[in-house]
Amino acid sequence: MTGLTQTFGSKNVLGSGSSTLSVSGYTVADGNSGADYTVTLATASGTITPASLTLTASSDSRVYNGTTSSSGTPTVGTLYSTDSVTGLTQTFGSKNVLGRDLPRSV
């Protein structure tokens, strides 16, 4: 038997042991075009685990305006196939000026 491969029945994460694996891509080399055998294809269970995806806020600065709004655009890590992420926005953690020394009167 040559060319044996197996494939998942679905590309999606279905939970532990919930993906079905099927045998494919084989040739029975018996000198009789495979007619000497009745082939039974048995499936097996498998697991596809979720891929990691990192969404990263981009650096931004602006003048105080009383809101947490940011004009920066977050970046998206590696996606596969035609997958996409929509609706990305980022905000400052506070509407206040933080992390710098304020002028002092003497």
N, C-alpha and C. Protein backbone atom coordinates (compact mmCIF):
# COMPACT_ATOMS: atom_id res chain seq x y z
N MET A 1 0.86 -1.16 0.00
CA MET A 1 0.00 0.00 0.00
C MET A 1 0.90 1.22 0.00
N THR A 2 0.64 2.18 -0.87
CA THR A 2 1.48 3.36 -0.98
C THR A 2 0.63 4.62 -0.86
N GLY A 3 1.29 5.73 -0.53
CA GLY A 3 0.65 7.05 -0.54
C GLY A 3 -0.34 7.31 0.57
N LEU A 4 -0.31 6.57 1.67
CA LEU A 4 -1.29 6.79 2.73
C LEU A 4 -1.14 8.16 3.38
N THR A 5 -2.23 8.85 3.50
CA THR A 5 -2.30 10.11 4.24
C THR A 5 -3.58 10.10 5.06
N GLN A 6 -3.66 11.01 6.00
CA GLN A 6 -4.91 11.18 6.72
C GLN A 6 -5.20 12.66 6.82
N THR A 7 -6.46 13.01 6.84
CA THR A 7 -6.88 14.40 6.90
C THR A 7 -7.99 14.56 7.92
N PHE A 8 -8.05 15.76 8.51
CA PHE A 8 -9.14 16.09 9.41
C PHE A 8 -10.38 16.38 8.58
N GLY A 9 -11.54 16.03 9.10
CA GLY A 9 -12.80 16.27 8.42
C GLY A 9 -13.21 17.72 8.43
N SER A 10 -12.67 18.51 9.36
CA SER A 10 -12.98 19.93 9.47
C SER A 10 -11.71 20.67 9.84
N LYS A 11 -11.56 21.90 9.36
CA LYS A 11 -10.39 22.72 9.69
C LYS A 11 -10.55 23.42 11.03
N ASN A 12 -11.73 23.34 11.64
CA ASN A 12 -12.05 24.10 12.85
C ASN A 12 -11.72 23.35 14.13
N VAL A 13 -11.51 24.11 15.20
CA VAL A 13 -11.30 23.55 16.53
C VAL A 13 -12.66 23.06 17.03
N LEU A 14 -12.77 21.78 17.30
CA LEU A 14 -14.05 21.19 17.71
C LEU A 14 -14.03 20.65 19.13
N GLY A 15 -12.91 20.76 19.81
CA GLY A 15 -12.79 20.23 21.16
C GLY A 15 -11.93 18.99 21.19
N SER A 16 -11.50 18.62 22.36
CA SER A 16 -10.60 17.49 22.54
C SER A 16 -11.24 16.19 22.04
N GLY A 17 -10.58 15.54 21.08
CA GLY A 17 -11.05 14.27 20.55
C GLY A 17 -12.28 14.36 19.67
N SER A 18 -12.72 15.56 19.33
CA SER A 18 -13.96 15.72 18.57
C SER A 18 -13.78 15.89 17.07
N SER A 19 -12.55 15.93 16.60
CA SER A 19 -12.29 16.03 15.16
C SER A 19 -12.15 14.62 14.59
N THR A 20 -12.67 14.41 13.38
CA THR A 20 -12.59 13.10 12.74
C THR A 20 -11.45 13.08 11.73
N LEU A 21 -10.63 12.04 11.80
CA LEU A 21 -9.55 11.83 10.84
C LEU A 21 -9.94 10.71 9.90
N SER A 22 -9.69 10.93 8.59
CA SER A 22 -10.00 9.93 7.58
C SER A 22 -8.76 9.60 6.77
N VAL A 23 -8.64 8.35 6.34
CA VAL A 23 -7.54 7.89 5.49
C VAL A 23 -7.85 8.27 4.05
N SER A 24 -6.83 8.74 3.34
CA SER A 24 -7.03 9.11 1.93
C SER A 24 -5.71 8.92 1.18
N GLY A 25 -5.77 9.12 -0.12
CA GLY A 25 -4.57 9.13 -0.95
C GLY A 25 -3.80 7.82 -0.98
N TYR A 26 -4.47 6.72 -1.15
CA TYR A 26 -3.77 5.44 -1.14
C TYR A 26 -4.01 4.69 -2.45
N THR A 27 -3.08 3.78 -2.72
CA THR A 27 -3.19 2.87 -3.85
C THR A 27 -2.86 1.47 -3.34
N VAL A 28 -3.71 0.50 -3.63
CA VAL A 28 -3.42 -0.90 -3.29
C VAL A 28 -2.67 -1.49 -4.48
N ALA A 29 -1.40 -1.82 -4.26
CA ALA A 29 -0.56 -2.36 -5.33
C ALA A 29 -0.51 -3.88 -5.20
N ASP A 30 -1.52 -4.53 -5.74
CA ASP A 30 -1.59 -6.00 -5.65
C ASP A 30 -1.45 -6.67 -7.02
N GLY A 31 -1.13 -5.88 -8.04
CA GLY A 31 -1.00 -6.43 -9.39
C GLY A 31 -2.35 -6.70 -10.04
N ASN A 32 -3.45 -6.35 -9.35
CA ASN A 32 -4.79 -6.60 -9.88
C ASN A 32 -5.66 -5.35 -9.66
N SER A 33 -5.04 -4.17 -9.76
CA SER A 33 -5.74 -2.88 -9.59
C SER A 33 -6.52 -2.79 -8.28
N GLY A 34 -6.02 -3.47 -7.25
CA GLY A 34 -6.67 -3.41 -5.95
C GLY A 34 -7.83 -4.36 -5.78
N ALA A 35 -8.16 -5.14 -6.81
CA ALA A 35 -9.34 -6.01 -6.77
C ALA A 35 -9.19 -7.20 -5.83
N ASP A 36 -7.95 -7.48 -5.38
CA ASP A 36 -7.74 -8.60 -4.46
C ASP A 36 -8.14 -8.24 -3.02
N TYR A 37 -8.52 -6.99 -2.79
CA TYR A 37 -8.86 -6.55 -1.44
C TYR A 37 -10.17 -5.77 -1.44
N THR A 38 -10.92 -5.94 -0.37
CA THR A 38 -12.04 -5.06 -0.07
C THR A 38 -11.54 -4.15 1.03
N VAL A 39 -11.36 -2.89 0.69
CA VAL A 39 -10.76 -1.93 1.62
C VAL A 39 -11.84 -1.31 2.50
N THR A 40 -11.63 -1.37 3.78
CA THR A 40 -12.49 -0.70 4.75
C THR A 40 -11.72 0.47 5.32
N LEU A 41 -12.27 1.66 5.22
CA LEU A 41 -11.62 2.87 5.75
C LEU A 41 -12.22 3.19 7.11
N ALA A 42 -11.43 3.03 8.14
CA ALA A 42 -11.87 3.33 9.50
C ALA A 42 -11.37 4.71 9.90
N THR A 43 -12.24 5.51 10.48
CA THR A 43 -11.87 6.85 10.94
C THR A 43 -11.31 6.77 12.36
N ALA A 44 -10.70 7.84 12.78
CA ALA A 44 -10.17 7.98 14.14
C ALA A 44 -10.53 9.37 14.65
N SER A 45 -10.48 9.52 15.96
CA SER A 45 -10.74 10.85 16.51
C SER A 45 -9.41 11.56 16.72
N GLY A 46 -9.44 12.86 16.63
CA GLY A 46 -8.24 13.68 16.81
C GLY A 46 -8.62 15.02 17.41
N THR A 47 -7.62 15.82 17.65
CA THR A 47 -7.82 17.12 18.26
C THR A 47 -7.06 18.18 17.49
N ILE A 48 -7.72 19.25 17.11
CA ILE A 48 -7.07 20.44 16.57
C ILE A 48 -7.12 21.47 17.70
N THR A 49 -5.95 21.95 18.12
CA THR A 49 -5.90 22.93 19.20
C THR A 49 -5.92 24.35 18.64
N PRO A 50 -6.46 25.30 19.40
CA PRO A 50 -6.52 26.69 18.92
C PRO A 50 -5.12 27.26 18.68
N ALA A 51 -4.99 28.07 17.65
CA ALA A 51 -3.74 28.79 17.38
C ALA A 51 -3.68 30.02 18.28
N SER A 52 -2.48 30.46 18.60
CA SER A 52 -2.30 31.69 19.37
C SER A 52 -2.53 32.89 18.45
N LEU A 53 -3.13 33.93 18.99
CA LEU A 53 -3.33 35.17 18.25
C LEU A 53 -3.05 36.32 19.19
N THR A 54 -2.13 37.20 18.81
CA THR A 54 -1.79 38.36 19.62
C THR A 54 -2.31 39.62 18.95
N LEU A 55 -3.09 40.39 19.69
CA LEU A 55 -3.56 41.70 19.26
C LEU A 55 -2.76 42.72 20.06
N THR A 56 -2.04 43.61 19.38
CA THR A 56 -1.12 44.52 20.04
C THR A 56 -1.53 45.98 19.83
N ALA A 57 -1.69 46.70 20.95
CA ALA A 57 -1.97 48.13 20.86
C ALA A 57 -0.73 48.83 20.31
N SER A 58 -0.92 49.87 19.51
CA SER A 58 0.21 50.62 18.97
C SER A 58 0.45 51.85 19.82
N SER A 59 1.68 52.33 19.82
CA SER A 59 2.01 53.53 20.58
C SER A 59 1.24 54.72 20.04
N ASP A 60 0.85 55.61 20.92
CA ASP A 60 0.09 56.80 20.52
C ASP A 60 0.33 57.88 21.56
N SER A 61 0.20 59.11 21.15
CA SER A 61 0.23 60.23 22.08
C SER A 61 -0.69 61.31 21.54
N ARG A 62 -1.22 62.10 22.45
CA ARG A 62 -2.11 63.19 22.05
C ARG A 62 -2.20 64.19 23.19
N VAL A 63 -2.78 65.32 22.91
CA VAL A 63 -3.03 66.36 23.91
C VAL A 63 -4.25 65.96 24.72
N TYR A 64 -4.24 66.26 26.00
CA TYR A 64 -5.37 65.96 26.89
C TYR A 64 -6.67 66.49 26.28
N ASN A 65 -7.72 65.63 26.26
CA ASN A 65 -9.03 66.07 25.75
C ASN A 65 -10.18 65.54 26.61
N GLY A 66 -9.88 64.99 27.79
CA GLY A 66 -10.92 64.53 28.69
C GLY A 66 -11.52 63.17 28.36
N THR A 67 -10.95 62.47 27.36
CA THR A 67 -11.46 61.14 26.99
C THR A 67 -10.31 60.14 26.98
N THR A 68 -10.62 58.90 26.76
CA THR A 68 -9.59 57.86 26.63
C THR A 68 -9.36 57.48 25.17
N SER A 69 -9.92 58.24 24.24
CA SER A 69 -9.83 57.89 22.82
C SER A 69 -8.38 57.91 22.31
N SER A 70 -8.11 57.02 21.37
CA SER A 70 -6.80 56.91 20.74
C SER A 70 -7.01 56.81 19.23
N SER A 71 -6.12 57.45 18.49
CA SER A 71 -6.21 57.35 17.03
C SER A 71 -5.30 56.23 16.50
N GLY A 72 -4.60 55.55 17.40
CA GLY A 72 -3.72 54.45 17.00
C GLY A 72 -4.49 53.25 16.49
N THR A 73 -3.83 52.46 15.66
CA THR A 73 -4.45 51.26 15.11
C THR A 73 -3.73 50.03 15.65
N PRO A 74 -4.44 49.16 16.38
CA PRO A 74 -3.80 47.93 16.87
C PRO A 74 -3.36 47.04 15.72
N THR A 75 -2.37 46.19 15.99
CA THR A 75 -1.91 45.24 14.97
C THR A 75 -2.39 43.84 15.33
N VAL A 76 -2.56 43.04 14.29
CA VAL A 76 -3.06 41.67 14.43
C VAL A 76 -1.93 40.71 14.11
N GLY A 77 -1.75 39.70 14.95
CA GLY A 77 -0.75 38.67 14.71
C GLY A 77 -1.16 37.76 13.56
N THR A 78 -0.60 36.57 13.50
CA THR A 78 -0.81 35.64 12.40
C THR A 78 -2.20 35.03 12.41
N LEU A 79 -2.90 35.20 11.28
CA LEU A 79 -4.18 34.54 11.03
C LEU A 79 -3.99 33.58 9.87
N TYR A 80 -4.84 32.58 9.78
CA TYR A 80 -4.70 31.56 8.75
C TYR A 80 -5.88 31.56 7.79
N SER A 81 -5.61 31.14 6.57
CA SER A 81 -6.63 31.01 5.53
C SER A 81 -7.28 32.36 5.29
N THR A 82 -8.59 32.42 5.31
CA THR A 82 -9.31 33.67 5.08
C THR A 82 -9.83 34.28 6.38
N ASP A 83 -9.29 33.83 7.53
CA ASP A 83 -9.73 34.36 8.82
C ASP A 83 -9.36 35.84 8.93
N SER A 84 -10.16 36.59 9.69
CA SER A 84 -9.90 38.02 9.86
C SER A 84 -10.38 38.47 11.23
N VAL A 85 -9.93 39.64 11.64
CA VAL A 85 -10.38 40.28 12.87
C VAL A 85 -10.94 41.64 12.47
N THR A 86 -12.12 41.98 12.95
CA THR A 86 -12.73 43.27 12.64
C THR A 86 -13.05 44.01 13.94
N GLY A 87 -13.34 45.27 13.83
CA GLY A 87 -13.77 46.07 14.96
C GLY A 87 -12.67 46.47 15.93
N LEU A 88 -11.42 46.44 15.49
CA LEU A 88 -10.31 46.77 16.38
C LEU A 88 -10.27 48.25 16.72
N THR A 89 -10.21 48.56 17.98
CA THR A 89 -9.96 49.92 18.46
C THR A 89 -9.05 49.81 19.66
N GLN A 90 -8.46 50.91 20.04
CA GLN A 90 -7.67 50.94 21.26
C GLN A 90 -7.99 52.21 22.01
N THR A 91 -7.83 52.16 23.32
CA THR A 91 -8.09 53.33 24.17
C THR A 91 -6.96 53.46 25.19
N PHE A 92 -6.78 54.67 25.68
CA PHE A 92 -5.85 54.91 26.77
C PHE A 92 -6.46 54.35 28.05
N GLY A 93 -5.64 53.90 28.98
CA GLY A 93 -6.12 53.35 30.23
C GLY A 93 -6.70 54.40 31.16
N SER A 94 -6.43 55.65 30.91
CA SER A 94 -6.95 56.74 31.73
C SER A 94 -7.11 57.97 30.86
N LYS A 95 -8.07 58.83 31.20
CA LYS A 95 -8.25 60.09 30.46
C LYS A 95 -7.27 61.15 30.94
N ASN A 96 -6.58 60.88 32.04
CA ASN A 96 -5.68 61.86 32.66
C ASN A 96 -4.25 61.75 32.15
N VAL A 97 -3.50 62.84 32.29
CA VAL A 97 -2.08 62.85 31.95
C VAL A 97 -1.36 62.06 33.05
N LEU A 98 -0.62 61.03 32.66
CA LEU A 98 0.08 60.18 33.61
C LEU A 98 1.55 60.03 33.23
N GLY A 99 2.37 59.75 34.21
CA GLY A 99 3.76 59.34 33.95
C GLY A 99 4.72 60.43 33.57
N ARG A 100 4.47 61.68 33.96
CA ARG A 100 5.47 62.71 33.71
C ARG A 100 5.46 63.67 34.88
N ASP A 101 6.58 64.38 35.05
CA ASP A 101 6.67 65.37 36.12
C ASP A 101 5.93 66.62 35.71
N LEU A 102 5.06 67.10 36.59
CA LEU A 102 4.34 68.34 36.34
C LEU A 102 5.18 69.52 36.81
N PRO A 103 5.05 70.67 36.16
CA PRO A 103 5.82 71.86 36.61
C PRO A 103 5.43 72.21 38.06
N ARG A 104 6.43 72.63 38.82
CA ARG A 104 6.18 73.03 40.21
C ARG A 104 6.46 74.51 40.36
N SER A 105 5.65 75.14 41.19
CA SER A 105 5.94 76.54 41.49
C SER A 105 6.92 76.57 42.66
N VAL A 106 7.80 77.56 42.64
CA VAL A 106 8.84 77.65 43.66
C VAL A 106 8.51 78.71 44.68
